[in-house]
Each structure stands twice: as C-alpha cells, then as structure tokens.
Amino acid sequence: MNKQTTEINVKNLCSRKLWEILKNAEWQNSSQRFAIEQELSGRRHYLEELEGLTVKETRH
C-alpha cells in the first residue's frame, strides 16, 4: 500500500480550518498535531476548546 503523507502548513490555514483538522483527528502524526496546537495557542483562538480537547484525550 502506498501511503502518502501530506504536510500541513499551519501558518497558511485559518484558525477555523486548523481547529477542524485537530478536532476531527485529521492530522497524520503527533508532530502535525503539536504544530496545530501550538499555532492555535499562539493565535489565542479556540483556547478553551483546545484545553477541553486535551483533557478528553488524557482520559482515554
């Protein structure tokens, strides 16, 4: 199977799109997820939602 990895340029995406990718687990690996989380934190959008998502992830 030929799996293609797509790099996400988080600087070029709007906050809403980044949130959708993160929320829907459409990131490809942990480094992409981290980059999205850091970008959203830096933009200060979705901070409460981001914290809530992190709490949910640690409960599993």
C-alpha atoms as a PDB file:
ATOM      1  CA  MET A   1       0.000   0.000   0.000  1.00  0.00           C
ATOM      2  CA  ASN A   2       1.351   3.390  -0.966  1.00  0.00           C
ATOM      3  CA  LYS A   3       0.576   5.828   1.830  1.00  0.00           C
ATOM      4  CA  GLN A   4       1.119   9.465   1.001  1.00  0.00           C
ATOM      5  CA  THR A   5       1.927  11.893   3.803  1.00  0.00           C
ATOM      6  CA  THR A   6       0.741  15.437   3.339  1.00  0.00           C
ATOM      7  CA  GLU A   7       2.499  18.175   5.232  1.00  0.00           C
ATOM      8  CA  ILE A   8       0.222  20.791   6.719  1.00  0.00           C
ATOM      9  CA  ASN A   9       1.460  24.355   6.560  1.00  0.00           C
ATOM     10  CA  VAL A  10      -0.236  25.647   9.690  1.00  0.00           C
ATOM     11  CA  LYS A  11       0.752  29.262   9.020  1.00  0.00           C
ATOM     12  CA  ASN A  12      -1.275  29.324   5.795  1.00  0.00           C
ATOM     13  CA  LEU A  13      -4.507  27.917   7.215  1.00  0.00           C
ATOM     14  CA  CYS A  14      -7.187  29.852   9.039  1.00  0.00           C
ATOM     15  CA  SER A  15      -7.862  29.093  12.681  1.00  0.00           C
ATOM     16  CA  ARG A  16     -11.224  27.514  11.927  1.00  0.00           C
ATOM     17  CA  LYS A  17      -9.663  25.048   9.473  1.00  0.00           C
ATOM     18  CA  LEU A  18      -6.883  24.190  11.908  1.00  0.00           C
ATOM     19  CA  TRP A  19      -9.469  23.580  14.626  1.00  0.00           C
ATOM     20  CA  GLU A  20     -11.473  21.306  12.318  1.00  0.00           C
ATOM     21  CA  ILE A  21      -8.365  19.276  11.457  1.00  0.00           C
ATOM     22  CA  LEU A  22      -7.474  18.943  15.126  1.00  0.00           C
ATOM     23  CA  LYS A  23     -10.998  18.209  16.355  1.00  0.00           C
ATOM     24  CA  ASN A  24     -11.676  15.627  13.647  1.00  0.00           C
ATOM     25  CA  ALA A  25      -8.276  13.946  14.151  1.00  0.00           C
ATOM     26  CA  GLU A  26      -7.296  14.562  10.525  1.00  0.00           C
ATOM     27  CA  TRP A  27      -3.638  15.131  11.423  1.00  0.00           C
ATOM     28  CA  GLN A  28      -1.195  12.494  10.241  1.00  0.00           C
ATOM     29  CA  ASN A  29       1.206  12.215  13.175  1.00  0.00           C
ATOM     30  CA  SER A  30       1.919  13.653  16.599  1.00  0.00           C
ATOM     31  CA  SER A  31       4.242  16.334  15.246  1.00  0.00           C
ATOM     32  CA  GLN A  32       1.472  17.668  12.992  1.00  0.00           C
ATOM     33  CA  ARG A  33      -0.935  17.666  15.918  1.00  0.00           C
ATOM     34  CA  PHE A  34       1.599  19.523  18.053  1.00  0.00           C
ATOM     35  CA  ALA A  35       2.180  22.112  15.308  1.00  0.00           C
ATOM     36  CA  ILE A  36      -1.563  22.740  15.009  1.00  0.00           C
ATOM     37  CA  GLU A  37      -1.969  23.039  18.782  1.00  0.00           C
ATOM     38  CA  GLN A  38       0.945  25.465  19.011  1.00  0.00           C
ATOM     39  CA  GLU A  39      -0.347  27.599  16.147  1.00  0.00           C
ATOM     40  CA  LEU A  40      -3.826  27.831  17.640  1.00  0.00           C
ATOM     41  CA  SER A  41      -2.374  28.634  21.061  1.00  0.00           C
ATOM     42  CA  GLY A  42      -0.269  31.382  19.537  1.00  0.00           C
ATOM     43  CA  ARG A  43      -3.272  32.850  17.779  1.00  0.00           C
ATOM     44  CA  ARG A  44      -5.237  32.584  21.021  1.00  0.00           C
ATOM     45  CA  HIS A  45      -8.285  31.244  19.183  1.00  0.00           C
ATOM     46  CA  TYR A  46     -10.094  28.196  20.486  1.00  0.00           C
ATOM     47  CA  LEU A  47      -8.067  28.170  23.717  1.00  0.00           C
ATOM     48  CA  GLU A  48     -10.913  26.878  25.886  1.00  0.00           C
ATOM     49  CA  GLU A  49     -11.845  24.241  23.313  1.00  0.00           C
ATOM     50  CA  LEU A  50      -8.206  23.222  22.935  1.00  0.00           C
ATOM     51  CA  GLU A  51      -7.873  22.754  26.693  1.00  0.00           C
ATOM     52  CA  GLY A  52     -11.093  20.717  26.737  1.00  0.00           C
ATOM     53  CA  LEU A  53      -9.875  18.508  23.902  1.00  0.00           C
ATOM     54  CA  THR A  54      -6.588  17.901  25.696  1.00  0.00           C
ATOM     55  CA  VAL A  55      -8.422  16.889  28.863  1.00  0.00           C
ATOM     56  CA  LYS A  56     -10.590  14.435  26.908  1.00  0.00           C
ATOM     57  CA  GLU A  57      -7.538  12.897  25.219  1.00  0.00           C
ATOM     58  CA  THR A  58      -5.758  12.257  28.517  1.00  0.00           C
ATOM     59  CA  ARG A  59      -8.780  10.419  29.938  1.00  0.00           C
ATOM     60  CA  HIS A  60      -8.609   7.677  27.280  1.00  0.00           C
END
